[in-house]
Amino acid sequence: MRVVRFRVVGDYEMANAIIVRLHEMDKVDRVEEVADQMHSRDDVSSLGLPHDEGPDFHSIEVHVLDGKAAQEVHDRIEIAARELDVAVEFVDEF
């Protein structure tokens, strides 16, 4: 089993659109958004400071059956990101 981890910079609807596309793939076992504790906001976020405004990001894990499926998932994520006009970042761990 392989895991592809990536972040989507954009709103919930865009991240969900990518997740839906990944669920359509045969060799995908599981797709889930995971909490990224390192980037959670603390109490000052309620102050509405300028650095708190901007796009959200979503950390997503995709569990696939093998290396070939992992590459297909990677390609599908890149295509979806271009079509939806969002940024994605592939990472080894969150």
PDB file of N, CA and C in Angstrom:
ATOM      1  N   MET A   1       0.847  -1.173   0.000  1.00  0.00           N
ATOM      2  CA  MET A   1       0.000   0.000   0.000  1.00  0.00           C
ATOM      3  C   MET A   1       0.894   1.239   0.000  1.00  0.00           C
ATOM      4  N   ARG A   2       0.588   2.180  -0.844  1.00  0.00           N
ATOM      5  CA  ARG A   2       1.312   3.452  -0.916  1.00  0.00           C
ATOM      6  C   ARG A   2       0.391   4.584  -0.485  1.00  0.00           C
ATOM      7  N   VAL A   3       1.002   5.677  -0.031  1.00  0.00           N
ATOM      8  CA  VAL A   3       0.243   6.854   0.381  1.00  0.00           C
ATOM      9  C   VAL A   3       0.775   8.063  -0.383  1.00  0.00           C
ATOM     10  N   VAL A   4      -0.139   8.805  -1.005  1.00  0.00           N
ATOM     11  CA  VAL A   4       0.192  10.065  -1.659  1.00  0.00           C
ATOM     12  C   VAL A   4      -0.371  11.169  -0.775  1.00  0.00           C
ATOM     13  N   ARG A   5       0.497  12.094  -0.364  1.00  0.00           N
ATOM     14  CA  ARG A   5       0.074  13.194   0.509  1.00  0.00           C
ATOM     15  C   ARG A   5       0.248  14.505  -0.241  1.00  0.00           C
ATOM     16  N   PHE A   6      -0.761  15.368  -0.124  1.00  0.00           N
ATOM     17  CA  PHE A   6      -0.668  16.669  -0.776  1.00  0.00           C
ATOM     18  C   PHE A   6      -1.542  17.682  -0.060  1.00  0.00           C
ATOM     19  N   ARG A   7      -1.260  18.952  -0.321  1.00  0.00           N
ATOM     20  CA  ARG A   7      -2.056  20.050   0.215  1.00  0.00           C
ATOM     21  C   ARG A   7      -2.693  20.796  -0.950  1.00  0.00           C
ATOM     22  N   VAL A   8      -3.916  21.215  -0.746  1.00  0.00           N
ATOM     23  CA  VAL A   8      -4.621  22.042  -1.721  1.00  0.00           C
ATOM     24  C   VAL A   8      -4.767  23.421  -1.106  1.00  0.00           C
ATOM     25  N   VAL A   9      -4.345  24.442  -1.852  1.00  0.00           N
ATOM     26  CA  VAL A   9      -4.526  25.819  -1.405  1.00  0.00           C
ATOM     27  C   VAL A   9      -5.760  26.351  -2.117  1.00  0.00           C
ATOM     28  N   GLY A  10      -6.828  26.495  -1.377  1.00  0.00           N
ATOM     29  CA  GLY A  10      -8.098  26.945  -1.931  1.00  0.00           C
ATOM     30  C   GLY A  10      -9.214  26.652  -0.950  1.00  0.00           C
ATOM     31  N   ASP A  11     -10.428  26.932  -1.367  1.00  0.00           N
ATOM     32  CA  ASP A  11     -11.546  26.734  -0.453  1.00  0.00           C
ATOM     33  C   ASP A  11     -11.991  25.269  -0.418  1.00  0.00           C
ATOM     34  N   TYR A  12     -12.927  24.996   0.463  1.00  0.00           N
ATOM     35  CA  TYR A  12     -13.390  23.629   0.690  1.00  0.00           C
ATOM     36  C   TYR A  12     -13.956  23.002  -0.579  1.00  0.00           C
ATOM     37  N   GLU A  13     -14.702  23.769  -1.359  1.00  0.00           N
ATOM     38  CA  GLU A  13     -15.328  23.222  -2.562  1.00  0.00           C
ATOM     39  C   GLU A  13     -14.287  22.715  -3.549  1.00  0.00           C
ATOM     40  N   MET A  14     -13.189  23.434  -3.692  1.00  0.00           N
ATOM     41  CA  MET A  14     -12.129  23.016  -4.624  1.00  0.00           C
ATOM     42  C   MET A  14     -11.443  21.748  -4.125  1.00  0.00           C
ATOM     43  N   ALA A  15     -11.144  21.690  -2.833  1.00  0.00           N
ATOM     44  CA  ALA A  15     -10.519  20.492  -2.271  1.00  0.00           C
ATOM     45  C   ALA A  15     -11.457  19.301  -2.412  1.00  0.00           C
ATOM     46  N   ASN A  16     -12.729  19.511  -2.172  1.00  0.00           N
ATOM     47  CA  ASN A  16     -13.699  18.436  -2.283  1.00  0.00           C
ATOM     48  C   ASN A  16     -13.835  17.960  -3.731  1.00  0.00           C
ATOM     49  N   ALA A  17     -13.742  18.870  -4.680  1.00  0.00           N
ATOM     50  CA  ALA A  17     -13.821  18.484  -6.096  1.00  0.00           C
ATOM     51  C   ALA A  17     -12.671  17.551  -6.466  1.00  0.00           C
ATOM     52  N   ILE A  18     -11.488  17.811  -5.933  1.00  0.00           N
ATOM     53  CA  ILE A  18     -10.344  16.928  -6.195  1.00  0.00           C
ATOM     54  C   ILE A  18     -10.566  15.572  -5.521  1.00  0.00           C
ATOM     55  N   ILE A  19     -11.062  15.587  -4.297  1.00  0.00           N
ATOM     56  CA  ILE A  19     -11.323  14.342  -3.579  1.00  0.00           C
ATOM     57  C   ILE A  19     -12.325  13.475  -4.344  1.00  0.00           C
ATOM     58  N   VAL A  20     -13.368  14.087  -4.868  1.00  0.00           N
ATOM     59  CA  VAL A  20     -14.373  13.343  -5.632  1.00  0.00           C
ATOM     60  C   VAL A  20     -13.742  12.698  -6.854  1.00  0.00           C
ATOM     61  N   ARG A  21     -12.881  13.424  -7.549  1.00  0.00           N
ATOM     62  CA  ARG A  21     -12.211  12.868  -8.737  1.00  0.00           C
ATOM     63  C   ARG A  21     -11.327  11.681  -8.376  1.00  0.00           C
ATOM     64  N   LEU A  22     -10.698  11.743  -7.221  1.00  0.00           N
ATOM     65  CA  LEU A  22      -9.828  10.644  -6.799  1.00  0.00           C
ATOM     66  C   LEU A  22     -10.641   9.411  -6.391  1.00  0.00           C
ATOM     67  N   HIS A  23     -11.812   9.626  -5.809  1.00  0.00           N
ATOM     68  CA  HIS A  23     -12.677   8.497  -5.437  1.00  0.00           C
ATOM     69  C   HIS A  23     -13.127   7.710  -6.664  1.00  0.00           C
ATOM     70  N   GLU A  24     -13.135   8.337  -7.827  1.00  0.00           N
ATOM     71  CA  GLU A  24     -13.576   7.678  -9.059  1.00  0.00           C
ATOM     72  C   GLU A  24     -12.553   6.671  -9.590  1.00  0.00           C
ATOM     73  N   MET A  25     -11.332   6.714  -9.080  1.00  0.00           N
ATOM     74  CA  MET A  25     -10.265   5.855  -9.587  1.00  0.00           C
ATOM     75  C   MET A  25     -10.348   4.455  -8.966  1.00  0.00           C
ATOM     76  N   ASP A  26     -10.110   3.435  -9.795  1.00  0.00           N
ATOM     77  CA  ASP A  26     -10.238   2.043  -9.358  1.00  0.00           C
ATOM     78  C   ASP A  26      -9.209   1.617  -8.315  1.00  0.00           C
ATOM     79  N   LYS A  27      -7.962   2.021  -8.473  1.00  0.00           N
ATOM     80  CA  LYS A  27      -6.905   1.530  -7.588  1.00  0.00           C
ATOM     81  C   LYS A  27      -6.713   2.381  -6.333  1.00  0.00           C
ATOM     82  N   VAL A  28      -7.660   3.275  -6.075  1.00  0.00           N
ATOM     83  CA  VAL A  28      -7.604   4.099  -4.868  1.00  0.00           C
ATOM     84  C   VAL A  28      -8.389   3.396  -3.773  1.00  0.00           C
ATOM     85  N   ASP A  29      -7.721   3.136  -2.668  1.00  0.00           N
ATOM     86  CA  ASP A  29      -8.356   2.456  -1.544  1.00  0.00           C
ATOM     87  C   ASP A  29      -9.104   3.440  -0.650  1.00  0.00           C
ATOM     88  N   ARG A  30      -8.460   4.588  -0.387  1.00  0.00           N
ATOM     89  CA  ARG A  30      -9.067   5.552   0.543  1.00  0.00           C
ATOM     90  C   ARG A  30      -8.540   6.950   0.254  1.00  0.00           C
ATOM     91  N   VAL A  31      -9.409   7.952   0.394  1.00  0.00           N
ATOM     92  CA  VAL A  31      -9.038   9.366   0.271  1.00  0.00           C
ATOM     93  C   VAL A  31      -9.623  10.074   1.475  1.00  0.00           C
ATOM     94  N   GLU A  32      -8.786  10.837   2.185  1.00  0.00           N
ATOM     95  CA  GLU A  32      -9.313  11.555   3.336  1.00  0.00           C
ATOM     96  C   GLU A  32      -8.540  12.837   3.594  1.00  0.00           C
ATOM     97  N   GLU A  33      -9.275  13.829   4.049  1.00  0.00           N
ATOM     98  CA  GLU A  33      -8.631  15.061   4.497  1.00  0.00           C
ATOM     99  C   GLU A  33      -8.197  14.840   5.936  1.00  0.00           C
ATOM    100  N   VAL A  34      -6.975  15.204   6.237  1.00  0.00           N
ATOM    101  CA  VAL A  34      -6.453  15.004   7.587  1.00  0.00           C
ATOM    102  C   VAL A  34      -6.140  16.352   8.216  1.00  0.00           C
ATOM    103  N   ALA A  35      -6.185  16.395   9.530  1.00  0.00           N
ATOM    104  CA  ALA A  35      -5.876  17.624  10.253  1.00  0.00           C
ATOM    105  C   ALA A  35      -4.372  17.846  10.225  1.00  0.00           C
ATOM    106  N   ASP A  36      -3.987  19.055   9.937  1.00  0.00           N
ATOM    107  CA  ASP A  36      -2.574  19.424   9.940  1.00  0.00           C
ATOM    108  C   ASP A  36      -2.335  20.277  11.173  1.00  0.00           C
ATOM    109  N   GLN A  37      -1.941  19.643  12.264  1.00  0.00           N
ATOM    110  CA  GLN A  37      -1.836  20.324  13.538  1.00  0.00           C
ATOM    111  C   GLN A  37      -0.754  21.392  13.565  1.00  0.00           C
ATOM    112  N   MET A  38       0.249  21.249  12.754  1.00  0.00           N
ATOM    113  CA  MET A  38       1.334  22.217  12.764  1.00  0.00           C
ATOM    114  C   MET A  38       0.877  23.584  12.277  1.00  0.00           C
ATOM    115  N   HIS A  39      -0.134  23.609  11.434  1.00  0.00           N
ATOM    116  CA  HIS A  39      -0.582  24.871  10.866  1.00  0.00           C
ATOM    117  C   HIS A  39      -1.947  25.311  11.400  1.00  0.00           C
ATOM    118  N   SER A  40      -2.349  24.757  12.528  1.00  0.00           N
ATOM    119  CA  SER A  40      -3.630  25.181  13.087  1.00  0.00           C
ATOM    120  C   SER A  40      -3.491  26.594  13.639  1.00  0.00           C
ATOM    121  N   ARG A  41      -4.579  27.304  13.602  1.00  0.00           N
ATOM    122  CA  ARG A  41      -4.550  28.692  14.048  1.00  0.00           C
ATOM    123  C   ARG A  41      -4.846  28.762  15.539  1.00  0.00           C
ATOM    124  N   ASP A  42      -4.224  29.721  16.180  1.00  0.00           N
ATOM    125  CA  ASP A  42      -4.447  29.866  17.615  1.00  0.00           C
ATOM    126  C   ASP A  42      -5.489  30.962  17.864  1.00  0.00           C
ATOM    127  N   ASP A  43      -5.591  31.416  19.085  1.00  0.00           N
ATOM    128  CA  ASP A  43      -6.624  32.373  19.479  1.00  0.00           C
ATOM    129  C   ASP A  43      -6.536  33.711  18.770  1.00  0.00           C
ATOM    130  N   VAL A  44      -5.361  34.121  18.301  1.00  0.00           N
ATOM    131  CA  VAL A  44      -5.254  35.428  17.661  1.00  0.00           C
ATOM    132  C   VAL A  44      -5.948  35.457  16.303  1.00  0.00           C
ATOM    133  N   SER A  45      -6.307  34.306  15.741  1.00  0.00           N
ATOM    134  CA  SER A  45      -6.982  34.308  14.443  1.00  0.00           C
ATOM    135  C   SER A  45      -8.336  35.003  14.519  1.00  0.00           C
ATOM    136  N   SER A  46      -8.937  35.048  15.697  1.00  0.00           N
ATOM    137  CA  SER A  46     -10.238  35.691  15.833  1.00  0.00           C
ATOM    138  C   SER A  46     -10.134  37.213  15.780  1.00  0.00           C
ATOM    139  N   LEU A  47      -8.921  37.730  15.804  1.00  0.00           N
ATOM    140  CA  LEU A  47      -8.742  39.177  15.739  1.00  0.00           C
ATOM    141  C   LEU A  47      -8.913  39.724  14.335  1.00  0.00           C
ATOM    142  N   GLY A  48      -8.930  38.868  13.327  1.00  0.00           N
ATOM    143  CA  GLY A  48      -9.097  39.322  11.947  1.00  0.00           C
ATOM    144  C   GLY A  48      -7.876  40.033  11.399  1.00  0.00           C
ATOM    145  N   LEU A  49      -6.713  39.645  11.856  1.00  0.00           N
ATOM    146  CA  LEU A  49      -5.483  40.269  11.377  1.00  0.00           C
ATOM    147  C   LEU A  49      -5.254  39.930   9.909  1.00  0.00           C
ATOM    148  N   PRO A  50      -4.567  40.807   9.178  1.00  0.00           N
ATOM    149  CA  PRO A  50      -4.358  40.584   7.742  1.00  0.00           C
ATOM    150  C   PRO A  50      -3.682  39.262   7.409  1.00  0.00           C
ATOM    151  N   HIS A  51      -2.740  38.801   8.220  1.00  0.00           N
ATOM    152  CA  HIS A  51      -2.054  37.553   7.910  1.00  0.00           C
ATOM    153  C   HIS A  51      -2.961  36.343   8.086  1.00  0.00           C
ATOM    154  N   ASP A  52      -4.111  36.522   8.737  1.00  0.00           N
ATOM    155  CA  ASP A  52      -5.056  35.426   8.905  1.00  0.00           C
ATOM    156  C   ASP A  52      -6.011  35.298   7.722  1.00  0.00           C
ATOM    157  N   GLU A  53      -6.056  36.300   6.883  1.00  0.00           N
ATOM    158  CA  GLU A  53      -6.955  36.267   5.750  1.00  0.00           C
ATOM    159  C   GLU A  53      -6.242  35.646   4.557  1.00  0.00           C
ATOM    160  N   GLY A  54      -7.001  35.059   3.685  1.00  0.00           N
ATOM    161  CA  GLY A  54      -6.405  34.422   2.518  1.00  0.00           C
ATOM    162  C   GLY A  54      -6.974  33.030   2.351  1.00  0.00           C
ATOM    163  N   PRO A  55      -6.467  32.322   1.360  1.00  0.00           N
ATOM    164  CA  PRO A  55      -7.031  31.005   1.073  1.00  0.00           C
ATOM    165  C   PRO A  55      -6.693  29.978   2.160  1.00  0.00           C
ATOM    166  N   ASP A  56      -7.582  29.049   2.326  1.00  0.00           N
ATOM    167  CA  ASP A  56      -7.347  27.932   3.241  1.00  0.00           C
ATOM    168  C   ASP A  56      -6.499  26.884   2.535  1.00  0.00           C
ATOM    169  N   PHE A  57      -5.969  25.976   3.304  1.00  0.00           N
ATOM    170  CA  PHE A  57      -5.333  24.827   2.690  1.00  0.00           C
ATOM    171  C   PHE A  57      -5.847  23.566   3.359  1.00  0.00           C
ATOM    172  N   HIS A  58      -5.837  22.497   2.578  1.00  0.00           N
ATOM    173  CA  HIS A  58      -6.398  21.229   3.014  1.00  0.00           C
ATOM    174  C   HIS A  58      -5.358  20.137   2.806  1.00  0.00           C
ATOM    175  N   SER A  59      -5.052  19.403   3.849  1.00  0.00           N
ATOM    176  CA  SER A  59      -4.097  18.299   3.783  1.00  0.00           C
ATOM    177  C   SER A  59      -4.868  17.021   3.481  1.00  0.00           C
ATOM    178  N   ILE A  60      -4.461  16.335   2.411  1.00  0.00           N
ATOM    179  CA  ILE A  60      -5.210  15.176   1.937  1.00  0.00           C
ATOM    180  C   ILE A  60      -4.268  13.993   1.754  1.00  0.00           C
ATOM    181  N   GLU A  61      -4.720  12.822   2.194  1.00  0.00           N
ATOM    182  CA  GLU A  61      -3.986  11.572   2.005  1.00  0.00           C
ATOM    183  C   GLU A  61      -4.780  10.659   1.087  1.00  0.00           C
ATOM    184  N   VAL A  62      -4.059  10.023   0.166  1.00  0.00           N
ATOM    185  CA  VAL A  62      -4.683   9.062  -0.744  1.00  0.00           C
ATOM    186  C   VAL A  62      -3.941   7.744  -0.592  1.00  0.00           C
ATOM    187  N   HIS A  63      -4.644   6.686  -0.244  1.00  0.00           N
ATOM    188  CA  HIS A  63      -4.060   5.360  -0.108  1.00  0.00           C
ATOM    189  C   HIS A  63      -4.343   4.588  -1.391  1.00  0.00           C
ATOM    190  N   VAL A  64      -3.274   4.126  -2.031  1.00  0.00           N
ATOM    191  CA  VAL A  64      -3.394   3.425  -3.313  1.00  0.00           C
ATOM    192  C   VAL A  64      -2.749   2.050  -3.218  1.00  0.00           C
ATOM    193  N   LEU A  65      -3.026   1.219  -4.207  1.00  0.00           N
ATOM    194  CA  LEU A  65      -2.568  -0.168  -4.161  1.00  0.00           C
ATOM    195  C   LEU A  65      -1.095  -0.359  -4.499  1.00  0.00           C
ATOM    196  N   ASP A  66      -0.566   0.452  -5.448  1.00  0.00           N
ATOM    197  CA  ASP A  66       0.823   0.234  -5.869  1.00  0.00           C
ATOM    198  C   ASP A  66       1.435   1.520  -6.426  1.00  0.00           C
ATOM    199  N   GLY A  67       2.681   1.415  -6.848  1.00  0.00           N
ATOM    200  CA  GLY A  67       3.412   2.570  -7.365  1.00  0.00           C
ATOM    201  C   GLY A  67       2.811   3.155  -8.621  1.00  0.00           C
ATOM    202  N   LYS A  68       2.329   2.297  -9.510  1.00  0.00           N
ATOM    203  CA  LYS A  68       1.703   2.777 -10.748  1.00  0.00           C
ATOM    204  C   LYS A  68       0.451   3.591 -10.429  1.00  0.00           C
ATOM    205  N   ALA A  69      -0.337   3.104  -9.498  1.00  0.00           N
ATOM    206  CA  ALA A  69      -1.541   3.829  -9.082  1.00  0.00           C
ATOM    207  C   ALA A  69      -1.174   5.162  -8.438  1.00  0.00           C
ATOM    208  N   ALA A  70      -0.085   5.184  -7.677  1.00  0.00           N
ATOM    209  CA  ALA A  70       0.369   6.431  -7.051  1.00  0.00           C
ATOM    210  C   ALA A  70       0.704   7.470  -8.111  1.00  0.00           C
ATOM    211  N   GLN A  71       1.362   7.052  -9.192  1.00  0.00           N
ATOM    212  CA  GLN A  71       1.692   7.981 -10.272  1.00  0.00           C
ATOM    213  C   GLN A  71       0.427   8.465 -10.980  1.00  0.00           C
ATOM    214  N   GLU A  72      -0.545   7.588 -11.173  1.00  0.00           N
ATOM    215  CA  GLU A  72      -1.807   7.973 -11.800  1.00  0.00           C
ATOM    216  C   GLU A  72      -2.557   8.985 -10.929  1.00  0.00           C
ATOM    217  N   VAL A  73      -2.531   8.778  -9.616  1.00  0.00           N
ATOM    218  CA  VAL A  73      -3.158   9.713  -8.690  1.00  0.00           C
ATOM    219  C   VAL A  73      -2.458  11.061  -8.759  1.00  0.00           C
ATOM    220  N   HIS A  74      -1.145  11.054  -8.763  1.00  0.00           N
ATOM    221  CA  HIS A  74      -0.360  12.282  -8.851  1.00  0.00           C
ATOM    222  C   HIS A  74      -0.745  13.054 -10.115  1.00  0.00           C
ATOM    223  N   ASP A  75      -0.815  12.354 -11.236  1.00  0.00           N
ATOM    224  CA  ASP A  75      -1.173  12.998 -12.503  1.00  0.00           C
ATOM    225  C   ASP A  75      -2.587  13.567 -12.463  1.00  0.00           C
ATOM    226  N   ARG A  76      -3.522  12.805 -11.898  1.00  0.00           N
ATOM    227  CA  ARG A  76      -4.911  13.266 -11.833  1.00  0.00           C
ATOM    228  C   ARG A  76      -5.029  14.498 -10.945  1.00  0.00           C
ATOM    229  N   ILE A  77      -4.266  14.546  -9.860  1.00  0.00           N
ATOM    230  CA  ILE A  77      -4.290  15.710  -8.968  1.00  0.00           C
ATOM    231  C   ILE A  77      -3.783  16.940  -9.713  1.00  0.00           C
ATOM    232  N   GLU A  78      -2.692  16.803 -10.459  1.00  0.00           N
ATOM    233  CA  GLU A  78      -2.146  17.941 -11.205  1.00  0.00           C
ATOM    234  C   GLU A  78      -3.136  18.445 -12.257  1.00  0.00           C
ATOM    235  N   ILE A  79      -3.784  17.539 -12.957  1.00  0.00           N
ATOM    236  CA  ILE A  79      -4.776  17.937 -13.964  1.00  0.00           C
ATOM    237  C   ILE A  79      -5.941  18.660 -13.303  1.00  0.00           C
ATOM    238  N   ALA A  80      -6.450  18.113 -12.209  1.00  0.00           N
ATOM    239  CA  ALA A  80      -7.569  18.729 -11.500  1.00  0.00           C
ATOM    240  C   ALA A  80      -7.189  20.117 -10.980  1.00  0.00           C
ATOM    241  N   ALA A  81      -5.976  20.255 -10.471  1.00  0.00           N
ATOM    242  CA  ALA A  81      -5.526  21.549  -9.954  1.00  0.00           C
ATOM    243  C   ALA A  81      -5.508  22.602 -11.062  1.00  0.00           C
ATOM    244  N   ARG A  82      -5.036  22.214 -12.245  1.00  0.00           N
ATOM    245  CA  ARG A  82      -5.038  23.162 -13.378  1.00  0.00           C
ATOM    246  C   ARG A  82      -6.463  23.536 -13.768  1.00  0.00           C
ATOM    247  N   GLU A  83      -7.334  22.541 -13.853  1.00  0.00           N
ATOM    248  CA  GLU A  83      -8.722  22.796 -14.250  1.00  0.00           C
ATOM    249  C   GLU A  83      -9.474  23.649 -13.229  1.00  0.00           C
ATOM    250  N   LEU A  84      -9.187  23.454 -11.957  1.00  0.00           N
ATOM    251  CA  LEU A  84      -9.887  24.172 -10.897  1.00  0.00           C
ATOM    252  C   LEU A  84      -9.172  25.459 -10.492  1.00  0.00           C
ATOM    253  N   ASP A  85      -7.984  25.684 -11.048  1.00  0.00           N
ATOM    254  CA  ASP A  85      -7.182  26.879 -10.765  1.00  0.00           C
ATOM    255  C   ASP A  85      -6.845  26.998  -9.277  1.00  0.00           C
ATOM    256  N   VAL A  86      -6.324  25.899  -8.726  1.00  0.00           N
ATOM    257  CA  VAL A  86      -5.852  25.887  -7.344  1.00  0.00           C
ATOM    258  C   VAL A  86      -4.407  25.397  -7.329  1.00  0.00           C
ATOM    259  N   ALA A  87      -3.716  25.713  -6.268  1.00  0.00           N
ATOM    260  CA  ALA A  87      -2.344  25.254  -6.105  1.00  0.00           C
ATOM    261  C   ALA A  87      -2.333  23.974  -5.281  1.00  0.00           C
ATOM    262  N   VAL A  88      -1.445  23.049  -5.644  1.00  0.00           N
ATOM    263  CA  VAL A  88      -1.246  21.840  -4.850  1.00  0.00           C
ATOM    264  C   VAL A  88       0.235  21.698  -4.533  1.00  0.00           C
ATOM    265  N   GLU A  89       0.496  21.100  -3.398  1.00  0.00           N
ATOM    266  CA  GLU A  89       1.868  20.825  -2.975  1.00  0.00           C
ATOM    267  C   GLU A  89       1.923  19.374  -2.522  1.00  0.00           C
ATOM    268  N   PHE A  90       2.790  18.587  -3.157  1.00  0.00           N
ATOM    269  CA  PHE A  90       2.970  17.193  -2.755  1.00  0.00           C
ATOM    270  C   PHE A  90       4.023  17.161  -1.661  1.00  0.00           C
ATOM    271  N   VAL A  91       3.754  16.385  -0.612  1.00  0.00           N
ATOM    272  CA  VAL A  91       4.657  16.309   0.534  1.00  0.00           C
ATOM    273  C   VAL A  91       4.867  14.842   0.923  1.00  0.00           C
ATOM    274  N   ASP A  92       5.976  14.580   1.607  1.00  0.00           N
ATOM    275  CA  ASP A  92       6.236  13.242   2.105  1.00  0.00           C
ATOM    276  C   ASP A  92       5.496  12.958   3.401  1.00  0.00           C
ATOM    277  N   GLU A  93       5.350  13.990   4.212  1.00  0.00           N
ATOM    278  CA  GLU A  93       4.615  13.854   5.482  1.00  0.00           C
ATOM    279  C   GLU A  93       4.063  15.199   5.869  1.00  0.00           C
ATOM    280  N   PHE A  94       3.018  15.176   6.710  1.00  0.00           N
ATOM    281  CA  PHE A  94       2.412  16.428   7.175  1.00  0.00           C
ATOM    282  C   PHE A  94       3.025  16.839   8.467  1.00  0.00           C
TER     283      PHE A  94
END
